[in-house]
Amino acid sequence: MNSREELRRKGNEIRERLQHGAYPARERPRATASIPGLRNFTGESIFGAVWSRPGLDIRYRMLATLSVLTTLQRLSQFQTYVHSALSLGLNPEEIQEVPIHCSLYAGFPSAVNSLEVVHEAFRERGVEPPQTEIPELSLEEMEARGRELRDQLFGPEGQGGYNSALMDLAPDLRTLTYQYGFGEIFFRPGLDLKSRVVCATAALAATRADGQLRNFLRAGPRVGLSQQEMVEVLIQTGGYAGYPAALNAISIAAEVYS
């Protein structure tokens, strides 16, 4: 069992690897810097006890963290972690895609706010924002590949978190999710399918969208993520969305994987 000193050591190693806080979101010192014991708390309980856990690549841990922060619009912290993601080696296109992907679960205004933060961080680091060309398809093509991907992720039994009777009340909304969600955003370059499932899982855990979370927990193993990796994604969210949200998500995982 780790001691507090060991957790603190591991946490400091992770902080160093991420260069966390080397590019502060504000020029003035953060108020939390002067609060006794708080740096040790975060160093031990978040960086030492969670980020240092085996079972999930640190790149996925970063994607999960960015997903929670953009979904919940914790923009100051999001900016700090964008810098840490660059220091870790995530490429600009990956980072830029996280808010776009999570807009499916938090709404498009969240993407606009977060992308402004992303591009500010890019300017501070001298990084050129990616200008990837997106092929334009017809609505019919988007819907067809969206339906196919949804079935690949969830299986024909999946309902995306909604029962069929409810969706019958709003068939146009369901079609939009096929076209622009599964058929457009999931196919954008920058993040592969496994990474997008990680982002979706973290965002849905943070918002406690339990029905949709169940489907993405099933989707993980379908795209090559193990059950343990999916559980680690949920654990990663605890320090950023709150432990009640993470514990709720893990209880759902226990049902799905039983």
Protein backbone atom coordinates (compact mmCIF):
# COMPACT_ATOMS: atom_id res chain seq x y z
CA MET A 1 0.00 0.00 0.00
CA ASN A 2 1.29 3.46 -0.91
CA SER A 3 2.10 5.94 1.84
CA ARG A 4 1.21 9.61 1.48
CA GLU A 5 4.87 10.32 0.79
CA GLU A 6 4.91 7.74 -2.02
CA LEU A 7 1.73 9.16 -3.55
CA ARG A 8 3.18 12.65 -3.30
CA ARG A 9 6.35 11.48 -5.07
CA LYS A 10 4.37 9.85 -7.86
CA GLY A 11 2.18 12.91 -8.15
CA ASN A 12 5.17 15.19 -8.49
CA GLU A 13 6.57 12.93 -11.22
CA ILE A 14 3.32 13.19 -13.16
CA ARG A 15 3.22 16.96 -12.69
CA GLU A 16 6.76 17.20 -13.99
CA ARG A 17 5.95 15.03 -16.99
CA LEU A 18 2.94 17.21 -17.81
CA GLN A 19 4.78 20.44 -16.94
CA HIS A 20 1.54 21.10 -15.11
CA GLY A 21 1.11 24.73 -14.16
CA ALA A 22 4.17 25.86 -16.09
CA TYR A 23 1.83 27.88 -18.31
CA PRO A 24 -0.74 29.34 -15.86
CA ALA A 25 -4.16 30.32 -17.12
CA ARG A 26 -3.83 33.72 -15.40
CA GLU A 27 -0.88 36.02 -14.95
CA ARG A 28 -1.64 36.61 -11.28
CA PRO A 29 -0.99 33.78 -8.78
CA ARG A 30 -3.89 31.44 -8.15
CA ALA A 31 -5.61 31.90 -4.80
CA THR A 32 -5.35 28.16 -4.15
CA ALA A 33 -1.55 28.37 -4.13
CA SER A 34 -1.57 29.93 -0.65
CA ILE A 35 -4.07 27.52 0.97
CA PRO A 36 -2.27 25.16 3.37
CA GLY A 37 -2.31 21.51 2.37
CA LEU A 38 -4.23 21.92 -0.89
CA ARG A 39 -1.29 21.26 -3.21
CA ASN A 40 -0.48 18.09 -1.27
CA PHE A 41 -4.12 17.02 -1.48
CA THR A 42 -4.25 17.34 -5.26
CA GLY A 43 -0.75 15.94 -5.67
CA GLU A 44 -1.60 12.83 -3.68
CA SER A 45 -5.27 12.15 -4.43
CA ILE A 46 -5.39 13.15 -8.11
CA PHE A 47 -1.91 12.96 -9.65
CA GLY A 48 -0.40 10.36 -7.33
CA ALA A 49 -3.38 8.06 -6.69
CA VAL A 50 -5.17 8.33 -10.06
CA TRP A 51 -2.91 9.58 -12.87
CA SER A 52 -0.23 7.12 -11.77
CA ARG A 53 -2.56 4.11 -11.83
CA PRO A 54 -1.77 1.29 -14.25
CA GLY A 55 -4.41 0.04 -16.65
CA LEU A 56 -4.88 3.08 -18.91
CA ASP A 57 -2.45 4.90 -21.18
CA ILE A 58 -1.72 8.41 -19.93
CA ARG A 59 -2.84 9.81 -23.29
CA TYR A 60 -6.35 8.47 -22.68
CA ARG A 61 -6.25 9.88 -19.15
CA MET A 62 -5.55 13.29 -20.63
CA LEU A 63 -8.33 12.97 -23.20
CA ALA A 64 -10.78 11.95 -20.45
CA THR A 65 -9.71 14.91 -18.30
CA LEU A 66 -10.04 17.41 -21.14
CA SER A 67 -13.45 15.94 -21.95
CA VAL A 68 -14.76 16.46 -18.42
CA LEU A 69 -13.40 20.00 -18.18
CA THR A 70 -14.86 21.12 -21.52
CA THR A 71 -18.18 19.38 -20.86
CA LEU A 72 -18.54 21.06 -17.45
CA GLN A 73 -17.05 24.32 -18.78
CA ARG A 74 -14.28 24.54 -16.20
CA LEU A 75 -12.45 26.84 -18.59
CA SER A 76 -9.60 28.09 -16.41
CA GLN A 77 -8.59 24.53 -15.52
CA PHE A 78 -9.25 23.46 -19.10
CA GLN A 79 -6.65 25.97 -20.30
CA THR A 80 -4.08 24.64 -17.85
CA TYR A 81 -4.68 21.08 -19.06
CA VAL A 82 -4.51 22.11 -22.73
CA HIS A 83 -0.96 23.26 -21.99
CA SER A 84 -0.29 20.00 -20.15
CA ALA A 85 -1.67 18.03 -23.10
CA LEU A 86 0.76 19.81 -25.41
CA SER A 87 3.61 19.08 -23.01
CA LEU A 88 2.56 15.43 -22.89
CA GLY A 89 2.79 15.21 -26.67
CA LEU A 90 -0.81 15.29 -27.84
CA ASN A 91 -0.91 16.98 -31.19
CA PRO A 92 -2.93 20.18 -31.74
CA GLU A 93 -5.52 18.45 -33.92
CA GLU A 94 -6.29 15.93 -31.16
CA ILE A 95 -6.70 18.68 -28.57
CA GLN A 96 -8.86 20.81 -30.85
CA GLU A 97 -11.16 17.88 -31.57
CA VAL A 98 -12.00 17.17 -27.90
CA PRO A 99 -14.37 20.15 -27.42
CA ILE A 100 -15.91 19.52 -30.83
CA HIS A 101 -16.62 15.92 -29.97
CA CYS A 102 -17.94 16.73 -26.49
CA SER A 103 -20.33 19.31 -27.94
CA LEU A 104 -22.51 16.30 -28.74
CA TYR A 105 -23.08 15.89 -24.99
CA ALA A 106 -22.68 19.44 -23.63
CA GLY A 107 -24.00 21.53 -26.54
CA PHE A 108 -22.26 23.55 -29.21
CA PRO A 109 -21.77 26.71 -27.08
CA SER A 110 -19.44 24.66 -24.87
CA ALA A 111 -17.30 23.92 -27.92
CA VAL A 112 -17.17 27.60 -28.90
CA ASN A 113 -16.05 28.63 -25.41
CA SER A 114 -13.49 25.86 -25.13
CA LEU A 115 -12.06 26.34 -28.62
CA GLU A 116 -11.35 29.98 -27.80
CA VAL A 117 -9.35 28.73 -24.80
CA VAL A 118 -7.58 26.12 -26.94
CA HIS A 119 -6.50 28.67 -29.53
CA GLU A 120 -5.35 31.09 -26.83
CA ALA A 121 -3.13 28.33 -25.44
CA PHE A 122 -1.86 27.58 -28.95
CA ARG A 123 -0.92 31.26 -29.40
CA GLU A 124 0.92 31.25 -26.07
CA ARG A 125 2.93 28.22 -27.17
CA GLY A 126 3.51 29.35 -30.74
CA VAL A 127 1.41 26.46 -32.09
CA GLU A 128 -0.38 26.86 -35.41
CA PRO A 129 -4.07 25.86 -35.16
CA PRO A 130 -4.77 22.90 -37.47
CA GLN A 131 -6.78 23.57 -40.60
CA THR A 132 -7.78 20.05 -41.56
CA GLU A 133 -10.02 19.76 -44.58
CA ILE A 134 -13.32 18.01 -43.85
CA PRO A 135 -14.91 16.17 -46.79
CA GLU A 136 -18.51 17.22 -47.38
CA LEU A 137 -21.06 14.43 -47.82
CA SER A 138 -24.75 14.47 -48.57
CA LEU A 139 -27.23 14.10 -45.72
CA GLU A 140 -28.10 10.65 -47.04
CA GLU A 141 -24.46 9.55 -46.96
CA MET A 142 -24.00 10.98 -43.47
CA GLU A 143 -27.10 9.23 -42.17
CA ALA A 144 -26.15 5.89 -43.73
CA ARG A 145 -22.68 5.80 -42.24
CA GLY A 146 -23.99 7.19 -38.95
CA ARG A 147 -26.49 4.36 -38.63
CA GLU A 148 -23.81 1.83 -39.51
CA LEU A 149 -21.39 3.23 -36.92
CA ARG A 150 -24.05 3.38 -34.24
CA ASP A 151 -24.84 -0.29 -34.78
CA GLN A 152 -21.12 -1.09 -34.70
CA LEU A 153 -20.73 0.71 -31.36
CA PHE A 154 -23.91 -0.30 -29.58
CA GLY A 155 -25.22 -3.32 -31.45
CA PRO A 156 -28.71 -3.47 -32.88
CA GLU A 157 -30.14 -3.67 -29.34
CA GLY A 158 -28.71 -0.30 -28.27
CA GLN A 159 -31.11 2.62 -28.06
CA GLY A 160 -28.60 5.40 -27.40
CA GLY A 161 -30.04 5.80 -23.91
CA TYR A 162 -33.61 6.29 -25.08
CA ASN A 163 -36.42 3.80 -25.53
CA SER A 164 -37.99 3.47 -28.95
CA ALA A 165 -41.38 4.85 -27.84
CA LEU A 166 -39.75 8.07 -26.67
CA MET A 167 -37.71 8.42 -29.86
CA ASP A 168 -40.84 7.92 -31.95
CA LEU A 169 -42.01 11.28 -30.60
CA ALA A 170 -39.01 13.01 -32.18
CA PRO A 171 -37.85 11.01 -35.21
CA ASP A 172 -36.21 14.08 -36.76
CA LEU A 173 -33.98 14.49 -33.70
CA ARG A 174 -32.93 10.87 -33.99
CA THR A 175 -32.11 11.41 -37.66
CA LEU A 176 -29.99 14.44 -36.74
CA THR A 177 -27.98 12.32 -34.31
CA TYR A 178 -27.34 9.79 -37.08
CA GLN A 179 -26.33 12.47 -39.56
CA TYR A 180 -24.32 15.00 -37.57
CA GLY A 181 -23.36 12.99 -34.50
CA PHE A 182 -22.44 9.49 -35.58
CA GLY A 183 -22.22 10.37 -39.29
CA GLU A 184 -20.22 13.60 -39.11
CA ILE A 185 -18.40 14.30 -35.85
CA PHE A 186 -17.37 10.70 -35.18
CA PHE A 187 -15.71 10.64 -38.62
CA ARG A 188 -13.75 13.87 -38.28
CA PRO A 189 -9.95 13.45 -38.47
CA GLY A 190 -7.87 14.14 -35.40
CA LEU A 191 -9.18 11.49 -33.01
CA ASP A 192 -9.50 7.79 -33.75
CA LEU A 193 -12.58 5.82 -32.76
CA LYS A 194 -11.12 4.52 -29.49
CA SER A 195 -10.22 8.05 -28.44
CA ARG A 196 -13.71 9.29 -29.29
CA VAL A 197 -15.26 6.54 -27.17
CA VAL A 198 -13.00 7.61 -24.28
CA CYS A 199 -14.08 11.23 -24.70
CA ALA A 200 -17.76 10.32 -24.89
CA THR A 201 -17.55 8.03 -21.86
CA ALA A 202 -15.88 10.70 -19.72
CA ALA A 203 -18.32 13.40 -20.82
CA LEU A 204 -21.38 11.22 -20.16
CA ALA A 205 -20.05 10.18 -16.75
CA ALA A 206 -19.56 13.86 -15.86
CA THR A 207 -23.11 14.78 -16.89
CA ARG A 208 -24.60 11.62 -15.36
CA ALA A 209 -26.30 10.71 -18.61
CA ASP A 210 -26.75 7.16 -17.38
CA GLY A 211 -28.60 5.62 -20.33
CA GLN A 212 -26.11 6.88 -22.90
CA LEU A 213 -23.20 5.97 -20.62
CA ARG A 214 -24.38 2.36 -20.55
CA ASN A 215 -24.18 2.19 -24.31
CA PHE A 216 -20.68 3.63 -24.47
CA LEU A 217 -19.50 1.26 -21.75
CA ARG A 218 -20.67 -1.53 -24.06
CA ALA A 219 -19.03 0.22 -27.02
CA GLY A 220 -15.57 0.29 -25.43
CA PRO A 221 -14.80 -3.42 -25.83
CA ARG A 222 -16.31 -3.32 -29.33
CA VAL A 223 -13.61 -0.85 -30.45
CA GLY A 224 -10.70 -2.51 -28.65
CA LEU A 225 -10.77 -1.00 -25.17
CA SER A 226 -10.83 -3.52 -22.33
CA GLN A 227 -13.38 -3.40 -19.54
CA GLN A 228 -10.59 -2.42 -17.16
CA GLU A 229 -9.57 0.47 -19.40
CA MET A 230 -13.17 1.67 -19.47
CA VAL A 231 -13.37 1.53 -15.67
CA GLU A 232 -10.11 3.50 -15.47
CA VAL A 233 -11.64 6.19 -17.66
CA LEU A 234 -14.44 6.51 -15.09
CA ILE A 235 -11.96 6.62 -12.20
CA GLN A 236 -10.06 9.37 -14.02
CA THR A 237 -13.16 11.58 -14.02
CA GLY A 238 -13.49 11.58 -10.22
CA GLY A 239 -11.10 14.40 -9.49
CA TYR A 240 -12.69 16.65 -12.11
CA ALA A 241 -16.43 15.84 -12.17
CA GLY A 242 -16.60 14.89 -8.49
CA TYR A 243 -16.43 11.49 -6.86
CA PRO A 244 -20.23 11.04 -6.66
CA ALA A 245 -20.40 11.25 -10.47
CA ALA A 246 -17.51 8.79 -10.83
CA LEU A 247 -18.97 6.37 -8.28
CA ASN A 248 -22.35 6.56 -10.01
CA ALA A 249 -20.67 5.76 -13.34
CA ILE A 250 -18.73 2.84 -11.85
CA SER A 251 -21.94 1.40 -10.40
CA ILE A 252 -23.39 1.46 -13.91
CA ALA A 253 -20.24 -0.23 -15.24
CA ALA A 254 -20.69 -2.96 -12.65
CA GLU A 255 -24.17 -3.64 -14.08
CA VAL A 256 -23.05 -3.52 -17.70
CA TYR A 257 -20.04 -5.80 -17.20
CA SER A 258 -21.65 -8.28 -14.81
